[in-house]
Amino acid sequence: MRVTPSDGDTNDDLLRDDAHCREAFRRGECWAMERVYQNYLPLAETVCTRGFGSFRGFFDPLDREDAVQSIFAAAFEERTRLGYDGITPYRSYLRGIAHNVIRQMLSSRSRFQRRPMADVAPRGDLETALIDAECEALLRRFRTELVCGDEEIIITRYYCEGCSEERLAAELGITRYRLRKMIRALHRRMIRYLEDHGIAQG
């Protein structure tokens, strides 16, 4: 019976303690990546369920699954695998990746989210309100310049309506892997568009 590790750092940490598995993981060998996935899956699921900071976790099971898969997709990228030093507990390393991935997901959705403009800017925060208004205007223009119909659907269903990757992939008739690549590419283009028009992204 496999023992499920807890969310906290424990004395046992696969990639920190098993040098053979760690080196195979760095090389991208399938058996090592599968072992890492199975070993650290409970940690990723816990972060997505319980949240961190002001984020209280995903309520929709499909959103949680999307986030978990995105976390491991980021963790399994070559530069991320090679970036692990073998000294720090990998649980801490993966948790940091998870936090960054979830923040990017939430930021991506909120940037495209349609919300009514306030008639009066919040007191003491006029500059932020003006920047947000300019961002919204630019993103509306960005949407009008899209030439791919699927991209418009992605913006509407994924960003504006919060549709899960699994459901949206089925609607578009593509794999979730393909959809995730399209979302990332679209997000990068959106960021560049804002930056080209003088809106710096933090």
Foldseek 3Di string as FASTA:
>chain_A
DDDQDDLDDDPDFVLLPPVVLLVCLLVVPPVSLVVVCVRCVVNLLCCQCCPDDVDRHDPDPLQSVLLSVQLSVVCSPNVNSVPDPSHPRVSVVSVVSSVVSVVVLVVLLVLLEDDDQDPDDPPPCVVVSVLSVVSNVLVVVVLVPDDDPLLNVCSCVCRHVPHGLVVSCVVVVHDSVVVVVVSVVVSVVSQVSCVVVPRHDD
